[in-house]
Amino acid sequence: MMYDAHWAELHGIVQWLRGDDNAGWLDQIELLAGTMFDLKEMARPMIRQTVVPPEAMAICVALYQMTRMMAAMQRRDRVPALECGQAALALMAED
């Protein structure tokens, strides 16, 4: 997997969502935003290729789930955020 560090960051956020800490929402949202930015930057050059590599497609589909995760986290809605995070992790692990 070419994006192990990003997967690990997302995994850490998902682990946090499984807990009951309500004081760390802003830190976790900021971490997710940074992870999403880096993944978008990573996927952009790959998507411009004639043949799009599978890892670029995995990033794009996972980013959709992370966008939904971000929206849920901004509402402090732990259950849908966790579901979207787990889906994003699964998509990125398929690489």
N, C-alpha and C. Protein backbone atom coordinates (compact mmCIF):
# COMPACT_ATOMS: atom_id res chain seq x y z
N MET A 1 0.86 -1.17 0.00
CA MET A 1 0.00 0.00 0.00
C MET A 1 0.90 1.23 0.00
N MET A 2 0.70 2.13 -0.92
CA MET A 2 1.58 3.29 -1.04
C MET A 2 1.23 4.41 -0.07
N TYR A 3 0.19 4.29 0.65
CA TYR A 3 -0.23 5.36 1.54
C TYR A 3 -0.42 4.85 2.97
N ASP A 4 0.53 4.06 3.44
CA ASP A 4 0.43 3.45 4.77
C ASP A 4 0.25 4.47 5.89
N ALA A 5 0.97 5.58 5.83
CA ALA A 5 0.88 6.59 6.90
C ALA A 5 -0.52 7.18 6.96
N HIS A 6 -1.13 7.39 5.80
CA HIS A 6 -2.47 7.97 5.77
C HIS A 6 -3.51 6.97 6.26
N TRP A 7 -3.31 5.72 5.90
CA TRP A 7 -4.20 4.67 6.40
C TRP A 7 -4.10 4.60 7.92
N ALA A 8 -2.87 4.69 8.44
CA ALA A 8 -2.66 4.63 9.89
C ALA A 8 -3.31 5.82 10.59
N GLU A 9 -3.23 7.01 9.99
CA GLU A 9 -3.89 8.18 10.58
C GLU A 9 -5.40 7.98 10.62
N LEU A 10 -5.96 7.51 9.51
CA LEU A 10 -7.39 7.26 9.45
C LEU A 10 -7.79 6.18 10.46
N HIS A 11 -6.97 5.16 10.58
CA HIS A 11 -7.24 4.09 11.54
C HIS A 11 -7.25 4.65 12.96
N GLY A 12 -6.34 5.55 13.26
CA GLY A 12 -6.31 6.18 14.57
C GLY A 12 -7.57 6.98 14.85
N ILE A 13 -8.07 7.67 13.85
CA ILE A 13 -9.31 8.44 14.02
C ILE A 13 -10.48 7.49 14.26
N VAL A 14 -10.53 6.41 13.50
CA VAL A 14 -11.60 5.42 13.68
C VAL A 14 -11.52 4.83 15.08
N GLN A 15 -10.32 4.54 15.55
CA GLN A 15 -10.17 4.02 16.91
C GLN A 15 -10.69 5.03 17.93
N TRP A 16 -10.39 6.31 17.71
CA TRP A 16 -10.88 7.35 18.61
C TRP A 16 -12.41 7.39 18.59
N LEU A 17 -13.00 7.26 17.41
CA LEU A 17 -14.46 7.27 17.29
C LEU A 17 -15.10 6.09 18.03
N ARG A 18 -14.39 5.00 18.15
CA ARG A 18 -14.92 3.84 18.87
C ARG A 18 -14.99 4.09 20.37
N GLY A 19 -14.24 5.07 20.84
CA GLY A 19 -14.23 5.39 22.26
C GLY A 19 -15.34 6.35 22.64
N ASP A 20 -15.18 6.99 23.79
CA ASP A 20 -16.21 7.92 24.24
C ASP A 20 -15.64 9.27 24.64
N ASP A 21 -14.44 9.59 24.15
CA ASP A 21 -13.81 10.87 24.43
C ASP A 21 -14.52 11.97 23.63
N ASN A 22 -15.12 12.91 24.32
CA ASN A 22 -15.82 14.00 23.64
C ASN A 22 -14.99 15.28 23.59
N ALA A 23 -13.81 15.26 24.18
CA ALA A 23 -12.99 16.47 24.23
C ALA A 23 -12.11 16.62 22.99
N GLY A 24 -11.93 15.57 22.21
CA GLY A 24 -10.98 15.62 21.11
C GLY A 24 -11.56 15.82 19.72
N TRP A 25 -12.81 16.21 19.61
CA TRP A 25 -13.44 16.33 18.29
C TRP A 25 -12.65 17.24 17.36
N LEU A 26 -12.29 18.42 17.81
CA LEU A 26 -11.61 19.37 16.92
C LEU A 26 -10.26 18.85 16.46
N ASP A 27 -9.52 18.20 17.35
CA ASP A 27 -8.23 17.64 16.96
C ASP A 27 -8.40 16.54 15.92
N GLN A 28 -9.39 15.70 16.11
CA GLN A 28 -9.63 14.60 15.16
C GLN A 28 -10.11 15.13 13.81
N ILE A 29 -10.96 16.15 13.84
CA ILE A 29 -11.44 16.76 12.59
C ILE A 29 -10.27 17.37 11.83
N GLU A 30 -9.38 18.04 12.56
CA GLU A 30 -8.21 18.65 11.93
C GLU A 30 -7.30 17.58 11.33
N LEU A 31 -7.10 16.49 12.05
CA LEU A 31 -6.28 15.39 11.54
C LEU A 31 -6.90 14.79 10.28
N LEU A 32 -8.22 14.59 10.29
CA LEU A 32 -8.91 14.05 9.12
C LEU A 32 -8.78 15.00 7.93
N ALA A 33 -8.92 16.29 8.17
CA ALA A 33 -8.80 17.27 7.08
C ALA A 33 -7.42 17.21 6.45
N GLY A 34 -6.39 17.10 7.28
CA GLY A 34 -5.02 17.00 6.76
C GLY A 34 -4.80 15.73 5.96
N THR A 35 -5.35 14.63 6.46
CA THR A 35 -5.23 13.35 5.76
C THR A 35 -5.93 13.41 4.41
N MET A 36 -7.12 13.99 4.39
CA MET A 36 -7.87 14.11 3.13
C MET A 36 -7.12 14.99 2.13
N PHE A 37 -6.55 16.09 2.60
CA PHE A 37 -5.80 16.99 1.72
C PHE A 37 -4.63 16.23 1.08
N ASP A 38 -3.87 15.52 1.91
CA ASP A 38 -2.71 14.78 1.41
C ASP A 38 -3.12 13.72 0.40
N LEU A 39 -4.21 13.00 0.67
CA LEU A 39 -4.67 11.98 -0.27
C LEU A 39 -5.14 12.58 -1.58
N LYS A 40 -5.81 13.73 -1.51
CA LYS A 40 -6.23 14.40 -2.75
C LYS A 40 -5.02 14.79 -3.58
N GLU A 41 -4.00 15.32 -2.92
CA GLU A 41 -2.78 15.71 -3.62
C GLU A 41 -2.08 14.50 -4.22
N MET A 42 -2.12 13.38 -3.51
CA MET A 42 -1.50 12.16 -3.98
C MET A 42 -2.23 11.59 -5.20
N ALA A 43 -3.55 11.67 -5.20
CA ALA A 43 -4.34 11.07 -6.28
C ALA A 43 -4.37 11.93 -7.53
N ARG A 44 -4.26 13.24 -7.38
CA ARG A 44 -4.42 14.15 -8.52
C ARG A 44 -3.52 13.79 -9.71
N PRO A 45 -2.20 13.62 -9.54
CA PRO A 45 -1.39 13.30 -10.72
C PRO A 45 -1.72 11.94 -11.32
N MET A 46 -2.15 10.99 -10.49
CA MET A 46 -2.48 9.67 -11.00
C MET A 46 -3.74 9.71 -11.85
N ILE A 47 -4.69 10.55 -11.49
CA ILE A 47 -5.96 10.60 -12.20
C ILE A 47 -5.78 11.23 -13.59
N ARG A 48 -4.75 12.04 -13.75
CA ARG A 48 -4.50 12.68 -15.04
C ARG A 48 -3.89 11.74 -16.06
N GLN A 49 -3.52 10.55 -15.66
CA GLN A 49 -2.93 9.58 -16.57
C GLN A 49 -4.00 9.00 -17.49
N THR A 50 -3.56 8.46 -18.62
CA THR A 50 -4.48 7.84 -19.56
C THR A 50 -5.17 6.63 -18.93
N VAL A 51 -4.39 5.81 -18.28
CA VAL A 51 -4.93 4.66 -17.56
C VAL A 51 -4.79 4.97 -16.08
N VAL A 52 -5.91 5.06 -15.40
CA VAL A 52 -5.90 5.43 -13.98
C VAL A 52 -5.53 4.20 -13.14
N PRO A 53 -4.46 4.32 -12.34
CA PRO A 53 -4.06 3.19 -11.50
C PRO A 53 -5.13 2.85 -10.46
N PRO A 54 -5.23 1.59 -10.08
CA PRO A 54 -6.24 1.18 -9.09
C PRO A 54 -6.12 1.93 -7.77
N GLU A 55 -4.89 2.25 -7.34
CA GLU A 55 -4.76 2.96 -6.07
C GLU A 55 -5.37 4.35 -6.12
N ALA A 56 -5.35 4.99 -7.30
CA ALA A 56 -5.99 6.30 -7.44
C ALA A 56 -7.50 6.17 -7.30
N MET A 57 -8.05 5.13 -7.88
CA MET A 57 -9.49 4.92 -7.76
C MET A 57 -9.87 4.61 -6.31
N ALA A 58 -9.04 3.81 -5.63
CA ALA A 58 -9.31 3.50 -4.23
C ALA A 58 -9.30 4.76 -3.38
N ILE A 59 -8.34 5.65 -3.65
CA ILE A 59 -8.26 6.91 -2.91
C ILE A 59 -9.51 7.74 -3.16
N CYS A 60 -9.93 7.84 -4.41
CA CYS A 60 -11.10 8.66 -4.74
C CYS A 60 -12.36 8.15 -4.06
N VAL A 61 -12.57 6.85 -4.08
CA VAL A 61 -13.76 6.28 -3.46
C VAL A 61 -13.67 6.42 -1.94
N ALA A 62 -12.48 6.20 -1.38
CA ALA A 62 -12.30 6.37 0.07
C ALA A 62 -12.51 7.83 0.47
N LEU A 63 -12.08 8.77 -0.37
CA LEU A 63 -12.28 10.19 -0.07
C LEU A 63 -13.76 10.54 0.02
N TYR A 64 -14.57 9.90 -0.78
CA TYR A 64 -16.02 10.13 -0.69
C TYR A 64 -16.51 9.74 0.71
N GLN A 65 -16.06 8.58 1.19
CA GLN A 65 -16.46 8.14 2.52
C GLN A 65 -15.89 9.07 3.60
N MET A 66 -14.67 9.55 3.40
CA MET A 66 -14.06 10.46 4.37
C MET A 66 -14.79 11.80 4.40
N THR A 67 -15.31 12.24 3.26
CA THR A 67 -16.09 13.48 3.22
C THR A 67 -17.36 13.31 4.04
N ARG A 68 -18.01 12.19 3.90
CA ARG A 68 -19.19 11.89 4.71
C ARG A 68 -18.82 11.77 6.19
N MET A 69 -17.67 11.17 6.45
CA MET A 69 -17.18 11.05 7.81
C MET A 69 -16.95 12.42 8.43
N MET A 70 -16.34 13.31 7.66
CA MET A 70 -16.06 14.67 8.13
C MET A 70 -17.37 15.39 8.48
N ALA A 71 -18.35 15.28 7.62
CA ALA A 71 -19.64 15.94 7.88
C ALA A 71 -20.27 15.42 9.18
N ALA A 72 -20.20 14.11 9.38
CA ALA A 72 -20.75 13.53 10.61
C ALA A 72 -19.96 13.99 11.82
N MET A 73 -18.65 14.06 11.69
CA MET A 73 -17.82 14.50 12.82
C MET A 73 -18.09 15.96 13.16
N GLN A 74 -18.32 16.77 12.16
CA GLN A 74 -18.62 18.18 12.43
C GLN A 74 -19.94 18.33 13.17
N ARG A 75 -20.84 17.37 12.99
CA ARG A 75 -22.12 17.36 13.73
C ARG A 75 -21.99 16.64 15.06
N ARG A 76 -20.77 16.11 15.33
CA ARG A 76 -20.50 15.32 16.54
C ARG A 76 -21.37 14.06 16.58
N ASP A 77 -21.59 13.49 15.40
CA ASP A 77 -22.43 12.31 15.24
C ASP A 77 -21.51 11.10 15.06
N ARG A 78 -21.21 10.46 16.16
CA ARG A 78 -20.17 9.43 16.21
C ARG A 78 -20.49 8.19 15.37
N VAL A 79 -21.71 7.69 15.39
CA VAL A 79 -22.05 6.43 14.71
C VAL A 79 -21.86 6.52 13.19
N PRO A 80 -22.47 7.51 12.50
CA PRO A 80 -22.22 7.56 11.06
C PRO A 80 -20.77 7.89 10.72
N ALA A 81 -20.11 8.67 11.55
CA ALA A 81 -18.69 8.98 11.31
C ALA A 81 -17.87 7.69 11.37
N LEU A 82 -18.15 6.87 12.35
CA LEU A 82 -17.45 5.60 12.50
C LEU A 82 -17.74 4.68 11.31
N GLU A 83 -18.98 4.60 10.89
CA GLU A 83 -19.34 3.74 9.74
C GLU A 83 -18.60 4.18 8.48
N CYS A 84 -18.58 5.48 8.23
CA CYS A 84 -17.89 5.99 7.04
C CYS A 84 -16.38 5.78 7.14
N GLY A 85 -15.84 5.97 8.32
CA GLY A 85 -14.41 5.75 8.53
C GLY A 85 -14.03 4.31 8.29
N GLN A 86 -14.84 3.38 8.78
CA GLN A 86 -14.56 1.96 8.57
C GLN A 86 -14.66 1.62 7.08
N ALA A 87 -15.62 2.21 6.40
CA ALA A 87 -15.75 1.96 4.96
C ALA A 87 -14.53 2.49 4.21
N ALA A 88 -14.06 3.68 4.58
CA ALA A 88 -12.88 4.26 3.94
C ALA A 88 -11.65 3.39 4.18
N LEU A 89 -11.48 2.91 5.40
CA LEU A 89 -10.35 2.02 5.70
C LEU A 89 -10.40 0.76 4.85
N ALA A 90 -11.58 0.18 4.73
CA ALA A 90 -11.72 -1.04 3.95
C ALA A 90 -11.37 -0.79 2.48
N LEU A 91 -11.81 0.34 1.95
CA LEU A 91 -11.52 0.66 0.56
C LEU A 91 -10.02 0.87 0.33
N MET A 92 -9.38 1.53 1.27
CA MET A 92 -7.95 1.77 1.13
C MET A 92 -7.14 0.49 1.32
N ALA A 93 -7.65 -0.43 2.11
CA ALA A 93 -6.94 -1.69 2.36
C ALA A 93 -7.02 -2.63 1.17
N GLU A 94 -7.96 -2.39 0.27
CA GLU A 94 -8.13 -3.28 -0.90
C GLU A 94 -7.02 -3.11 -1.90
N ASP A 95 -6.23 -2.04 -1.77
CA ASP A 95 -5.14 -1.77 -2.71
C ASP A 95 -4.14 -2.90 -2.69
